[in-house]
Amino acid sequence: MPLYLIFFTSFLIGLSGALSPGPLLIVTIDETIKKDFKAGPLIITGHSFLELLMVIILIFGLGDILKNSEVQKYMSIFGGIFLIYFGISTFFSKYEFKKENYGDFKSTKNYILILKGIFISLSNPYWTVWWITVGLIYLSFALPYGFWGIFLFFTGHILSDFFWYSTVSYFIYSSREIFTSKIKYLSFSLGSFLVIFGGFLILKNFI
């Protein structure tokens, strides 16, 4: 596969994954409503750090460890606990509706959103499954090209995340007036999704 195809197809495959609803999208929506459209890019910055680490792990042949059923079990349990925690914290989110408060990041430092991007991604075992299956296979196409193959694969993949989540954040932020009157219901729905999904990740190991 030519290098330019590695980049473009990596972008498209990454975009297909980014478009799938999940915990990262839920947290991005929640943080954007509370703060600013910068929430999306900041959360994905954290996500990209973790994805880069995963690529390094796979390159050095440690993917077999992640494929171990016991490792996946404990990742699923701890991931579920994290998601339930984030879901409950969403229930008690404090929203300010004054326009001048939008874009104010003083109460939530940027690094906290970056850390959320890391922990939310890490808490979702399906993210790991994607990387040790689709990601690993696609990485094998890039490896023969050395540094540039890996660079273009990762760049195409992560740009798809930045593109999608930045678009979502901008849309939510620009349409924030629509959500204002229903903010409590939306907060409850977002939190409920995280709690239910987290509970599912835990229970599926014991059923």
N, C-alpha and C. Protein backbone atom coordinates (compact mmCIF):
# COMPACT_ATOMS: atom_id res chain seq x y z
N MET A 1 0.85 -1.19 0.00
CA MET A 1 0.00 0.00 0.00
C MET A 1 0.89 1.25 0.00
N PRO A 2 0.71 2.17 -0.96
CA PRO A 2 1.52 3.39 -1.02
C PRO A 2 1.35 4.24 0.24
N LEU A 3 2.36 5.06 0.52
CA LEU A 3 2.33 5.89 1.73
C LEU A 3 1.12 6.82 1.77
N TYR A 4 0.78 7.43 0.63
CA TYR A 4 -0.34 8.38 0.65
C TYR A 4 -1.65 7.67 0.96
N LEU A 5 -1.78 6.40 0.54
CA LEU A 5 -2.98 5.63 0.85
C LEU A 5 -3.03 5.24 2.32
N ILE A 6 -1.88 5.00 2.90
CA ILE A 6 -1.82 4.71 4.34
C ILE A 6 -2.39 5.88 5.12
N PHE A 7 -2.01 7.09 4.71
CA PHE A 7 -2.51 8.29 5.40
C PHE A 7 -4.01 8.45 5.23
N PHE A 8 -4.48 8.43 3.99
CA PHE A 8 -5.89 8.72 3.73
C PHE A 8 -6.81 7.62 4.25
N THR A 9 -6.43 6.37 4.07
CA THR A 9 -7.29 5.30 4.57
C THR A 9 -7.26 5.23 6.09
N SER A 10 -6.11 5.58 6.68
CA SER A 10 -6.04 5.64 8.14
C SER A 10 -6.99 6.70 8.67
N PHE A 11 -7.05 7.84 7.96
CA PHE A 11 -7.97 8.91 8.34
C PHE A 11 -9.42 8.42 8.26
N LEU A 12 -9.77 7.75 7.18
CA LEU A 12 -11.16 7.30 6.98
C LEU A 12 -11.55 6.21 7.98
N ILE A 13 -10.64 5.28 8.23
CA ILE A 13 -10.92 4.23 9.21
C ILE A 13 -11.03 4.82 10.61
N GLY A 14 -10.15 5.76 10.92
CA GLY A 14 -10.22 6.43 12.22
C GLY A 14 -11.51 7.21 12.36
N LEU A 15 -11.95 7.85 11.29
CA LEU A 15 -13.19 8.63 11.32
C LEU A 15 -14.39 7.73 11.55
N SER A 16 -14.38 6.53 10.95
CA SER A 16 -15.50 5.61 11.15
C SER A 16 -15.60 5.20 12.61
N GLY A 17 -14.45 5.08 13.29
CA GLY A 17 -14.45 4.76 14.72
C GLY A 17 -14.87 5.95 15.55
N ALA A 18 -14.41 7.14 15.18
CA ALA A 18 -14.75 8.35 15.93
C ALA A 18 -16.24 8.65 15.86
N LEU A 19 -16.87 8.31 14.74
CA LEU A 19 -18.30 8.58 14.56
C LEU A 19 -19.18 7.70 15.44
N SER A 20 -18.62 6.60 15.93
CA SER A 20 -19.40 5.70 16.79
C SER A 20 -19.59 6.33 18.17
N PRO A 21 -20.83 6.43 18.64
CA PRO A 21 -21.08 7.03 19.97
C PRO A 21 -20.40 6.21 21.07
N GLY A 22 -19.87 6.89 22.05
CA GLY A 22 -19.21 6.21 23.16
C GLY A 22 -18.94 7.17 24.29
N PRO A 23 -18.28 6.70 25.35
CA PRO A 23 -18.01 7.54 26.53
C PRO A 23 -17.24 8.81 26.20
N LEU A 24 -16.29 8.74 25.26
CA LEU A 24 -15.50 9.93 24.93
C LEU A 24 -16.38 11.02 24.33
N LEU A 25 -17.33 10.62 23.51
CA LEU A 25 -18.25 11.59 22.92
C LEU A 25 -19.16 12.20 23.98
N ILE A 26 -19.63 11.36 24.89
CA ILE A 26 -20.52 11.83 25.96
C ILE A 26 -19.82 12.88 26.82
N VAL A 27 -18.59 12.60 27.22
CA VAL A 27 -17.83 13.53 28.05
C VAL A 27 -17.52 14.81 27.28
N THR A 28 -17.23 14.69 26.00
CA THR A 28 -16.96 15.87 25.17
C THR A 28 -18.18 16.78 25.11
N ILE A 29 -19.35 16.21 24.91
CA ILE A 29 -20.59 17.00 24.88
C ILE A 29 -20.82 17.69 26.22
N ASP A 30 -20.65 16.93 27.29
CA ASP A 30 -20.89 17.46 28.63
C ASP A 30 -19.95 18.63 28.94
N GLU A 31 -18.66 18.46 28.65
CA GLU A 31 -17.69 19.50 28.95
C GLU A 31 -17.87 20.72 28.04
N THR A 32 -18.28 20.50 26.81
CA THR A 32 -18.50 21.62 25.89
C THR A 32 -19.66 22.48 26.37
N ILE A 33 -20.74 21.84 26.83
CA ILE A 33 -21.89 22.58 27.33
C ILE A 33 -21.51 23.38 28.56
N LYS A 34 -20.70 22.79 29.42
CA LYS A 34 -20.31 23.47 30.65
C LYS A 34 -19.32 24.61 30.41
N LYS A 35 -18.48 24.44 29.39
CA LYS A 35 -17.38 25.39 29.24
C LYS A 35 -17.30 26.03 27.87
N ASP A 36 -16.69 25.33 26.91
CA ASP A 36 -16.29 25.99 25.68
C ASP A 36 -16.06 24.94 24.59
N PHE A 37 -16.03 25.38 23.34
CA PHE A 37 -15.78 24.45 22.24
C PHE A 37 -14.35 23.92 22.26
N LYS A 38 -13.47 24.55 23.07
CA LYS A 38 -12.10 24.04 23.21
C LYS A 38 -12.07 22.69 23.91
N ALA A 39 -13.16 22.32 24.57
CA ALA A 39 -13.19 21.06 25.31
C ALA A 39 -12.88 19.88 24.40
N GLY A 40 -13.46 19.86 23.20
CA GLY A 40 -13.24 18.75 22.27
C GLY A 40 -11.77 18.56 21.92
N PRO A 41 -11.11 19.60 21.39
CA PRO A 41 -9.69 19.45 21.06
C PRO A 41 -8.81 19.10 22.26
N LEU A 42 -9.13 19.65 23.44
CA LEU A 42 -8.32 19.35 24.63
C LEU A 42 -8.49 17.90 25.06
N ILE A 43 -9.72 17.42 25.04
CA ILE A 43 -9.96 16.01 25.40
C ILE A 43 -9.28 15.08 24.42
N ILE A 44 -9.33 15.40 23.14
CA ILE A 44 -8.69 14.56 22.13
C ILE A 44 -7.17 14.67 22.21
N THR A 45 -6.64 15.76 22.72
CA THR A 45 -5.20 15.86 22.95
C THR A 45 -4.76 14.78 23.93
N GLY A 46 -5.53 14.63 25.03
CA GLY A 46 -5.24 13.56 25.97
C GLY A 46 -5.39 12.20 25.34
N HIS A 47 -6.45 12.03 24.57
CA HIS A 47 -6.71 10.78 23.85
C HIS A 47 -5.54 10.44 22.91
N SER A 48 -5.00 11.46 22.24
CA SER A 48 -3.92 11.23 21.29
C SER A 48 -2.63 10.79 21.98
N PHE A 49 -2.36 11.32 23.19
CA PHE A 49 -1.20 10.87 23.96
C PHE A 49 -1.28 9.37 24.24
N LEU A 50 -2.49 8.95 24.63
CA LEU A 50 -2.69 7.53 24.95
C LEU A 50 -2.58 6.67 23.69
N GLU A 51 -3.09 7.17 22.58
CA GLU A 51 -3.01 6.42 21.32
C GLU A 51 -1.57 6.29 20.86
N LEU A 52 -0.78 7.34 21.05
CA LEU A 52 0.64 7.27 20.70
C LEU A 52 1.35 6.22 21.54
N LEU A 53 1.01 6.16 22.82
CA LEU A 53 1.58 5.14 23.70
C LEU A 53 1.20 3.75 23.22
N MET A 54 -0.06 3.59 22.79
CA MET A 54 -0.52 2.29 22.30
C MET A 54 0.25 1.88 21.05
N VAL A 55 0.49 2.81 20.15
CA VAL A 55 1.25 2.51 18.93
C VAL A 55 2.65 2.04 19.30
N ILE A 56 3.28 2.72 20.26
CA ILE A 56 4.63 2.33 20.70
C ILE A 56 4.62 0.93 21.30
N ILE A 57 3.60 0.65 22.11
CA ILE A 57 3.47 -0.67 22.73
C ILE A 57 3.34 -1.76 21.67
N LEU A 58 2.52 -1.51 20.66
CA LEU A 58 2.31 -2.50 19.61
C LEU A 58 3.56 -2.68 18.76
N ILE A 59 4.28 -1.60 18.50
CA ILE A 59 5.50 -1.69 17.71
C ILE A 59 6.53 -2.59 18.39
N PHE A 60 6.59 -2.49 19.71
CA PHE A 60 7.57 -3.29 20.46
C PHE A 60 7.04 -4.67 20.84
N GLY A 61 5.93 -5.06 20.23
CA GLY A 61 5.44 -6.43 20.36
C GLY A 61 4.78 -6.78 21.66
N LEU A 62 4.28 -5.77 22.38
CA LEU A 62 3.63 -6.04 23.66
C LEU A 62 2.12 -6.21 23.53
N GLY A 63 1.65 -6.27 22.29
CA GLY A 63 0.21 -6.42 22.07
C GLY A 63 -0.35 -7.71 22.62
N ASP A 64 0.49 -8.77 22.68
CA ASP A 64 0.02 -10.06 23.19
C ASP A 64 -0.43 -9.96 24.65
N ILE A 65 0.22 -9.07 25.39
CA ILE A 65 -0.17 -8.88 26.80
C ILE A 65 -1.60 -8.35 26.88
N LEU A 66 -1.92 -7.42 26.01
CA LEU A 66 -3.25 -6.83 26.02
C LEU A 66 -4.31 -7.81 25.52
N LYS A 67 -3.89 -8.82 24.77
CA LYS A 67 -4.84 -9.82 24.27
C LYS A 67 -5.20 -10.86 25.33
N ASN A 68 -4.40 -10.91 26.38
CA ASN A 68 -4.65 -11.88 27.45
C ASN A 68 -6.03 -11.66 28.06
N SER A 69 -6.81 -12.74 28.20
CA SER A 69 -8.19 -12.63 28.68
C SER A 69 -8.28 -12.09 30.10
N GLU A 70 -7.30 -12.45 30.96
CA GLU A 70 -7.31 -11.96 32.33
C GLU A 70 -7.02 -10.46 32.38
N VAL A 71 -6.10 -10.03 31.54
CA VAL A 71 -5.78 -8.60 31.47
C VAL A 71 -7.00 -7.82 31.00
N GLN A 72 -7.67 -8.33 29.98
CA GLN A 72 -8.86 -7.67 29.46
C GLN A 72 -9.98 -7.64 30.50
N LYS A 73 -10.07 -8.69 31.30
CA LYS A 73 -11.10 -8.75 32.34
C LYS A 73 -10.91 -7.63 33.36
N TYR A 74 -9.68 -7.50 33.86
CA TYR A 74 -9.43 -6.48 34.88
C TYR A 74 -9.52 -5.07 34.30
N MET A 75 -9.10 -4.91 33.05
CA MET A 75 -9.25 -3.61 32.40
C MET A 75 -10.72 -3.24 32.28
N SER A 76 -11.54 -4.23 31.98
CA SER A 76 -12.98 -4.00 31.85
C SER A 76 -13.60 -3.60 33.18
N ILE A 77 -13.20 -4.28 34.26
CA ILE A 77 -13.75 -3.98 35.58
C ILE A 77 -13.33 -2.58 36.05
N PHE A 78 -12.04 -2.30 35.99
CA PHE A 78 -11.57 -0.99 36.43
C PHE A 78 -12.08 0.12 35.52
N GLY A 79 -12.19 -0.19 34.24
CA GLY A 79 -12.75 0.78 33.30
C GLY A 79 -14.19 1.10 33.63
N GLY A 80 -14.95 0.06 33.98
CA GLY A 80 -16.35 0.26 34.36
C GLY A 80 -16.48 1.14 35.60
N ILE A 81 -15.60 0.94 36.56
CA ILE A 81 -15.62 1.76 37.79
C ILE A 81 -15.36 3.23 37.45
N PHE A 82 -14.37 3.47 36.59
CA PHE A 82 -14.07 4.85 36.17
C PHE A 82 -15.27 5.50 35.49
N LEU A 83 -15.92 4.75 34.60
CA LEU A 83 -17.05 5.32 33.86
C LEU A 83 -18.23 5.61 34.78
N ILE A 84 -18.47 4.74 35.75
CA ILE A 84 -19.54 4.99 36.72
C ILE A 84 -19.23 6.25 37.52
N TYR A 85 -17.97 6.40 37.91
CA TYR A 85 -17.57 7.61 38.65
C TYR A 85 -17.81 8.87 37.81
N PHE A 86 -17.37 8.85 36.55
CA PHE A 86 -17.57 10.01 35.68
C PHE A 86 -19.06 10.26 35.44
N GLY A 87 -19.83 9.18 35.34
CA GLY A 87 -21.27 9.33 35.14
C GLY A 87 -21.95 9.99 36.32
N ILE A 88 -21.59 9.56 37.52
CA ILE A 88 -22.19 10.14 38.73
C ILE A 88 -21.77 11.61 38.87
N SER A 89 -20.51 11.90 38.54
CA SER A 89 -20.07 13.29 38.62
C SER A 89 -20.82 14.17 37.62
N THR A 90 -21.23 13.58 36.51
CA THR A 90 -22.02 14.32 35.52
C THR A 90 -23.39 14.67 36.07
N PHE A 91 -23.98 13.76 36.88
CA PHE A 91 -25.28 14.03 37.49
C PHE A 91 -25.24 15.33 38.29
N PHE A 92 -24.10 15.56 38.95
CA PHE A 92 -23.99 16.69 39.87
C PHE A 92 -23.23 17.87 39.26
N SER A 93 -23.14 17.88 37.92
CA SER A 93 -22.46 18.99 37.25
C SER A 93 -23.18 20.30 37.53
N LYS A 94 -22.42 21.34 37.70
CA LYS A 94 -22.97 22.67 37.91
C LYS A 94 -22.89 23.45 36.61
N TYR A 95 -24.04 23.87 36.12
CA TYR A 95 -24.09 24.61 34.87
C TYR A 95 -24.47 26.06 35.11
N GLU A 96 -23.72 26.96 34.49
CA GLU A 96 -24.05 28.38 34.56
C GLU A 96 -24.59 28.79 33.20
N PHE A 97 -25.71 29.52 33.19
CA PHE A 97 -26.36 29.83 31.94
C PHE A 97 -26.08 31.24 31.42
N LYS A 98 -25.35 32.05 32.19
CA LYS A 98 -25.03 33.39 31.71
C LYS A 98 -24.02 33.31 30.58
N LYS A 99 -24.29 34.08 29.53
CA LYS A 99 -23.44 34.01 28.35
C LYS A 99 -21.99 34.33 28.66
N GLU A 100 -21.78 35.27 29.57
CA GLU A 100 -20.40 35.66 29.84
C GLU A 100 -19.60 34.55 30.49
N ASN A 101 -20.27 33.52 31.00
CA ASN A 101 -19.54 32.43 31.64
C ASN A 101 -19.02 31.40 30.63
N TYR A 102 -19.59 31.43 29.41
CA TYR A 102 -19.12 30.48 28.42
C TYR A 102 -17.70 30.85 28.00
N GLY A 103 -16.86 29.82 27.86
CA GLY A 103 -15.47 30.05 27.48
C GLY A 103 -14.58 30.34 28.65
N ASP A 104 -15.14 30.35 29.86
CA ASP A 104 -14.33 30.62 31.04
C ASP A 104 -13.70 29.33 31.53
N PHE A 105 -12.39 29.21 31.35
CA PHE A 105 -11.71 27.99 31.74
C PHE A 105 -10.98 28.14 33.07
N LYS A 106 -11.24 29.20 33.79
CA LYS A 106 -10.53 29.42 35.04
C LYS A 106 -10.87 28.36 36.08
N SER A 107 -12.12 27.90 36.09
CA SER A 107 -12.53 26.92 37.10
C SER A 107 -12.17 25.50 36.71
N THR A 108 -11.87 25.28 35.44
CA THR A 108 -11.45 23.96 34.99
C THR A 108 -10.19 24.12 34.15
N LYS A 109 -9.07 23.78 34.71
CA LYS A 109 -7.81 23.94 34.00
C LYS A 109 -7.78 23.05 32.76
N ASN A 110 -7.07 23.51 31.76
CA ASN A 110 -6.98 22.75 30.52
C ASN A 110 -6.45 21.34 30.73
N TYR A 111 -5.48 21.21 31.63
CA TYR A 111 -4.86 19.90 31.82
C TYR A 111 -5.84 18.87 32.36
N ILE A 112 -6.87 19.33 33.06
CA ILE A 112 -7.87 18.41 33.58
C ILE A 112 -8.64 17.77 32.43
N LEU A 113 -8.96 18.57 31.41
CA LEU A 113 -9.65 18.02 30.25
C LEU A 113 -8.74 17.08 29.47
N ILE A 114 -7.46 17.38 29.41
CA ILE A 114 -6.51 16.48 28.75
C ILE A 114 -6.44 15.16 29.50
N LEU A 115 -6.40 15.23 30.83
CA LEU A 115 -6.39 14.01 31.65
C LEU A 115 -7.67 13.21 31.48
N LYS A 116 -8.79 13.93 31.37
CA LYS A 116 -10.06 13.23 31.14
C LYS A 116 -10.03 12.46 29.83
N GLY A 117 -9.41 13.05 28.82
CA GLY A 117 -9.29 12.36 27.54
C GLY A 117 -8.51 11.08 27.66
N ILE A 118 -7.48 11.10 28.52
CA ILE A 118 -6.67 9.90 28.75
C ILE A 118 -7.45 8.85 29.51
N PHE A 119 -8.05 9.25 30.63
CA PHE A 119 -8.71 8.27 31.49
C PHE A 119 -9.99 7.70 30.90
N ILE A 120 -10.75 8.55 30.19
CA ILE A 120 -11.97 8.05 29.56
C ILE A 120 -11.63 7.03 28.48
N SER A 121 -10.60 7.31 27.69
CA SER A 121 -10.17 6.37 26.65
C SER A 121 -9.68 5.07 27.27
N LEU A 122 -8.87 5.20 28.31
CA LEU A 122 -8.30 4.03 28.97
C LEU A 122 -9.36 3.19 29.65
N SER A 123 -10.43 3.82 30.10
CA SER A 123 -11.48 3.10 30.82
C SER A 123 -12.41 2.33 29.89
N ASN A 124 -12.30 2.56 28.59
CA ASN A 124 -13.16 1.87 27.63
C ASN A 124 -12.39 0.70 27.02
N PRO A 125 -12.69 -0.54 27.43
CA PRO A 125 -11.93 -1.69 26.91
C PRO A 125 -12.11 -1.90 25.42
N TYR A 126 -13.18 -1.39 24.85
CA TYR A 126 -13.40 -1.55 23.42
C TYR A 126 -12.39 -0.73 22.61
N TRP A 127 -11.85 0.31 23.25
CA TRP A 127 -10.76 1.07 22.61
C TRP A 127 -9.54 0.17 22.47
N THR A 128 -9.23 -0.58 23.53
CA THR A 128 -8.09 -1.50 23.50
C THR A 128 -8.31 -2.60 22.48
N VAL A 129 -9.53 -3.14 22.44
CA VAL A 129 -9.86 -4.21 21.50
C VAL A 129 -9.67 -3.73 20.06
N TRP A 130 -10.07 -2.49 19.78
CA TRP A 130 -9.90 -1.95 18.43
C TRP A 130 -8.42 -1.93 18.05
N TRP A 131 -7.59 -1.51 19.00
CA TRP A 131 -6.16 -1.38 18.68
C TRP A 131 -5.47 -2.72 18.51
N ILE A 132 -5.87 -3.74 19.26
CA ILE A 132 -5.19 -5.04 19.13
C ILE A 132 -5.79 -5.87 18.00
N THR A 133 -6.77 -5.33 17.31
CA THR A 133 -7.34 -6.03 16.15
C THR A 133 -7.14 -5.17 14.90
N VAL A 134 -8.03 -4.23 14.67
CA VAL A 134 -7.96 -3.38 13.48
C VAL A 134 -6.68 -2.54 13.47
N GLY A 135 -6.39 -1.91 14.61
CA GLY A 135 -5.21 -1.05 14.68
C GLY A 135 -3.92 -1.80 14.43
N LEU A 136 -3.80 -2.99 15.01
CA LEU A 136 -2.58 -3.78 14.86
C LEU A 136 -2.41 -4.23 13.42
N ILE A 137 -3.50 -4.67 12.80
CA ILE A 137 -3.44 -5.11 11.40
C ILE A 137 -3.02 -3.95 10.50
N TYR A 138 -3.63 -2.79 10.73
CA TYR A 138 -3.32 -1.65 9.88
C TYR A 138 -1.90 -1.15 10.12
N LEU A 139 -1.45 -1.24 11.35
CA LEU A 139 -0.08 -0.84 11.68
C LEU A 139 0.93 -1.71 10.93
N SER A 140 0.55 -2.97 10.68
CA SER A 140 1.45 -3.88 9.96
C SER A 140 1.68 -3.41 8.52
N PHE A 141 0.70 -2.67 7.96
CA PHE A 141 0.89 -2.12 6.61
C PHE A 141 1.89 -0.97 6.62
N ALA A 142 1.95 -0.25 7.74
CA ALA A 142 2.80 0.93 7.84
C ALA A 142 4.24 0.58 8.24
N LEU A 143 4.42 -0.47 9.01
CA LEU A 143 5.74 -0.81 9.55
C LEU A 143 6.83 -1.00 8.48
N PRO A 144 6.54 -1.62 7.34
CA PRO A 144 7.61 -1.79 6.33
C PRO A 144 8.20 -0.47 5.84
N TYR A 145 7.47 0.63 5.98
CA TYR A 145 7.96 1.94 5.54
C TYR A 145 8.76 2.65 6.62
N GLY A 146 8.91 2.00 7.78
CA GLY A 146 9.69 2.60 8.85
C GLY A 146 9.00 3.80 9.48
N PHE A 147 9.81 4.81 9.83
CA PHE A 147 9.29 5.98 10.55
C PHE A 147 8.16 6.66 9.80
N TRP A 148 8.32 6.90 8.49
CA TRP A 148 7.32 7.66 7.75
C TRP A 148 6.01 6.91 7.63
N GLY A 149 6.09 5.60 7.53
CA GLY A 149 4.86 4.81 7.48
C GLY A 149 4.09 4.91 8.78
N ILE A 150 4.79 4.77 9.89
CA ILE A 150 4.17 4.87 11.21
C ILE A 150 3.64 6.28 11.46
N PHE A 151 4.45 7.28 11.07
CA PHE A 151 4.06 8.68 11.26
C PHE A 151 2.79 9.01 10.49
N LEU A 152 2.71 8.61 9.24
CA LEU A 152 1.53 8.92 8.42
C LEU A 152 0.31 8.14 8.89
N PHE A 153 0.52 6.91 9.34
CA PHE A 153 -0.59 6.12 9.88
C PHE A 153 -1.17 6.80 11.12
N PHE A 154 -0.30 7.17 12.06
CA PHE A 154 -0.76 7.78 13.30
C PHE A 154 -1.36 9.16 13.05
N THR A 155 -0.71 9.95 12.17
CA THR A 155 -1.20 11.30 11.88
C THR A 155 -2.58 11.25 11.25
N GLY A 156 -2.77 10.37 10.27
CA GLY A 156 -4.08 10.23 9.64
C GLY A 156 -5.14 9.80 10.62
N HIS A 157 -4.77 8.86 11.49
CA HIS A 157 -5.72 8.35 12.47
C HIS A 157 -6.13 9.42 13.47
N ILE A 158 -5.16 10.13 14.03
CA ILE A 158 -5.48 11.08 15.10
C ILE A 158 -6.14 12.34 14.54
N LEU A 159 -5.82 12.71 13.29
CA LEU A 159 -6.48 13.86 12.68
C LEU A 159 -7.98 13.63 12.52
N SER A 160 -8.36 12.38 12.30
CA SER A 160 -9.80 12.07 12.18
C SER A 160 -10.50 12.34 13.51
N ASP A 161 -9.84 12.01 14.62
CA ASP A 161 -10.43 12.28 15.94
C ASP A 161 -10.54 13.78 16.19
N PHE A 162 -9.45 14.50 15.89
CA PHE A 162 -9.49 15.96 16.10
C PHE A 162 -10.56 16.60 15.22
N PHE A 163 -10.68 16.15 13.99
CA PHE A 163 -11.67 16.71 13.07
C PHE A 163 -13.08 16.50 13.61
N TRP A 164 -13.41 15.25 13.98
CA TRP A 164 -14.77 14.94 14.40
C TRP A 164 -15.13 15.60 15.73
N TYR A 165 -14.28 15.45 16.73
CA TYR A 165 -14.62 15.96 18.06
C TYR A 165 -14.57 17.49 18.12
N SER A 166 -13.72 18.11 17.31
CA SER A 166 -13.72 19.57 17.23
C SER A 166 -15.01 20.06 16.56
N THR A 167 -15.46 19.32 15.55
CA THR A 167 -16.71 19.66 14.87
C THR A 167 -17.88 19.54 15.83
N VAL A 168 -17.91 18.45 16.60
CA VAL A 168 -18.99 18.24 17.56
C VAL A 168 -18.99 19.35 18.61
N SER A 169 -17.81 19.68 19.14
CA SER A 169 -17.72 20.72 20.16
C SER A 169 -18.19 22.07 19.62
N TYR A 170 -17.77 22.38 18.41
CA TYR A 170 -18.16 23.67 17.84
C TYR A 170 -19.68 23.73 17.62
N PHE A 171 -20.25 22.63 17.15
CA PHE A 171 -21.70 22.60 16.91
C PHE A 171 -22.47 22.74 18.22
N ILE A 172 -22.04 21.99 19.24
CA ILE A 172 -22.72 22.06 20.54
C ILE A 172 -22.59 23.45 21.13
N TYR A 173 -21.38 24.03 21.05
CA TYR A 173 -21.16 25.36 21.61
C TYR A 173 -21.97 26.43 20.88
N SER A 174 -22.00 26.37 19.56
CA SER A 174 -22.73 27.36 18.78
C SER A 174 -24.24 27.22 18.93
N SER A 175 -24.69 26.03 19.36
CA SER A 175 -26.13 25.79 19.53
C SER A 175 -26.50 25.71 21.01
N ARG A 176 -25.65 26.25 21.88
CA ARG A 176 -25.83 26.07 23.32
C ARG A 176 -27.17 26.61 23.82
N GLU A 177 -27.72 27.63 23.14
CA GLU A 177 -29.00 28.19 23.59
C GLU A 177 -30.11 27.15 23.51
N ILE A 178 -29.97 26.23 22.57
CA ILE A 178 -30.99 25.17 22.41
C ILE A 178 -31.00 24.26 23.63
N PHE A 179 -29.82 24.03 24.19
CA PHE A 179 -29.70 23.08 25.30
C PHE A 179 -29.98 23.70 26.66
N THR A 180 -29.99 25.01 26.74
CA THR A 180 -30.09 25.67 28.03
C THR A 180 -31.33 25.27 28.82
N SER A 181 -32.50 25.27 28.16
CA SER A 181 -33.75 24.97 28.87
C SER A 181 -33.87 23.51 29.26
N LYS A 182 -33.06 22.64 28.63
CA LYS A 182 -33.16 21.20 28.89
C LYS A 182 -31.87 20.65 29.48
N ILE A 183 -31.07 21.53 30.06
CA ILE A 183 -29.74 21.13 30.49
C ILE A 183 -29.76 20.04 31.56
N LYS A 184 -30.70 20.10 32.49
CA LYS A 184 -30.75 19.11 33.56
C LYS A 184 -31.08 17.73 33.00
N TYR A 185 -32.00 17.69 32.04
CA TYR A 185 -32.37 16.41 31.45
C TYR A 185 -31.24 15.84 30.62
N LEU A 186 -30.54 16.72 29.92
CA LEU A 186 -29.41 16.27 29.12
C LEU A 186 -28.29 15.75 30.01
N SER A 187 -28.04 16.45 31.10
CA SER A 187 -27.01 16.03 32.05
C SER A 187 -27.33 14.66 32.61
N PHE A 188 -28.60 14.45 32.95
CA PHE A 188 -29.02 13.16 33.50
C PHE A 188 -28.85 12.05 32.45
N SER A 189 -29.19 12.36 31.19
CA SER A 189 -29.07 11.37 30.12
C SER A 189 -27.62 11.00 29.87
N LEU A 190 -26.75 12.01 29.83
CA LEU A 190 -25.33 11.76 29.60
C LEU A 190 -24.73 10.93 30.73
N GLY A 191 -25.04 11.33 31.96
CA GLY A 191 -24.52 10.59 33.11
C GLY A 191 -25.05 9.17 33.16
N SER A 192 -26.33 9.00 32.83
CA SER A 192 -26.95 7.67 32.84
C SER A 192 -26.26 6.73 31.86
N PHE A 193 -25.92 7.27 30.68
CA PHE A 193 -25.23 6.44 29.69
C PHE A 193 -23.91 5.92 30.25
N LEU A 194 -23.14 6.81 30.87
CA LEU A 194 -21.83 6.40 31.41
C LEU A 194 -21.99 5.37 32.52
N VAL A 195 -22.97 5.58 33.40
CA VAL A 195 -23.19 4.64 34.51
C VAL A 195 -23.64 3.28 33.98
N ILE A 196 -24.57 3.28 33.04
CA ILE A 196 -25.08 2.01 32.48
C ILE A 196 -23.99 1.26 31.73
N PHE A 197 -23.24 2.01 30.92
CA PHE A 197 -22.17 1.38 30.16
C PHE A 197 -21.08 0.85 31.09
N GLY A 198 -20.75 1.63 32.13
CA GLY A 198 -19.77 1.18 33.10
C GLY A 198 -20.24 -0.06 33.83
N GLY A 199 -21.52 -0.09 34.22
CA GLY A 199 -22.08 -1.26 34.89
C GLY A 199 -22.05 -2.48 33.99
N PHE A 200 -22.33 -2.28 32.70
CA PHE A 200 -22.27 -3.39 31.75
C PHE A 200 -20.87 -3.98 31.66
N LEU A 201 -19.85 -3.12 31.62
CA LEU A 201 -18.48 -3.58 31.52
C LEU A 201 -18.07 -4.43 32.72
N ILE A 202 -18.60 -4.08 33.89
CA ILE A 202 -18.29 -4.83 35.10
C ILE A 202 -19.05 -6.16 35.13
N LEU A 203 -20.36 -6.09 34.88
CA LEU A 203 -21.22 -7.27 35.02
C LEU A 203 -20.92 -8.35 33.97
N LYS A 204 -20.50 -7.94 32.80
CA LYS A 204 -20.28 -8.94 31.74
C LYS A 204 -19.16 -9.93 32.08
N ASN A 205 -18.33 -9.56 33.08
CA ASN A 205 -17.26 -10.46 33.51
C ASN A 205 -17.73 -11.50 34.51
N PHE A 206 -18.96 -11.33 35.01
CA PHE A 206 -19.47 -12.24 36.05
C PHE A 206 -20.73 -12.98 35.61
N ILE A 207 -21.16 -12.74 34.38
CA ILE A 207 -22.38 -13.41 33.88
C ILE A 207 -22.00 -14.51 32.92
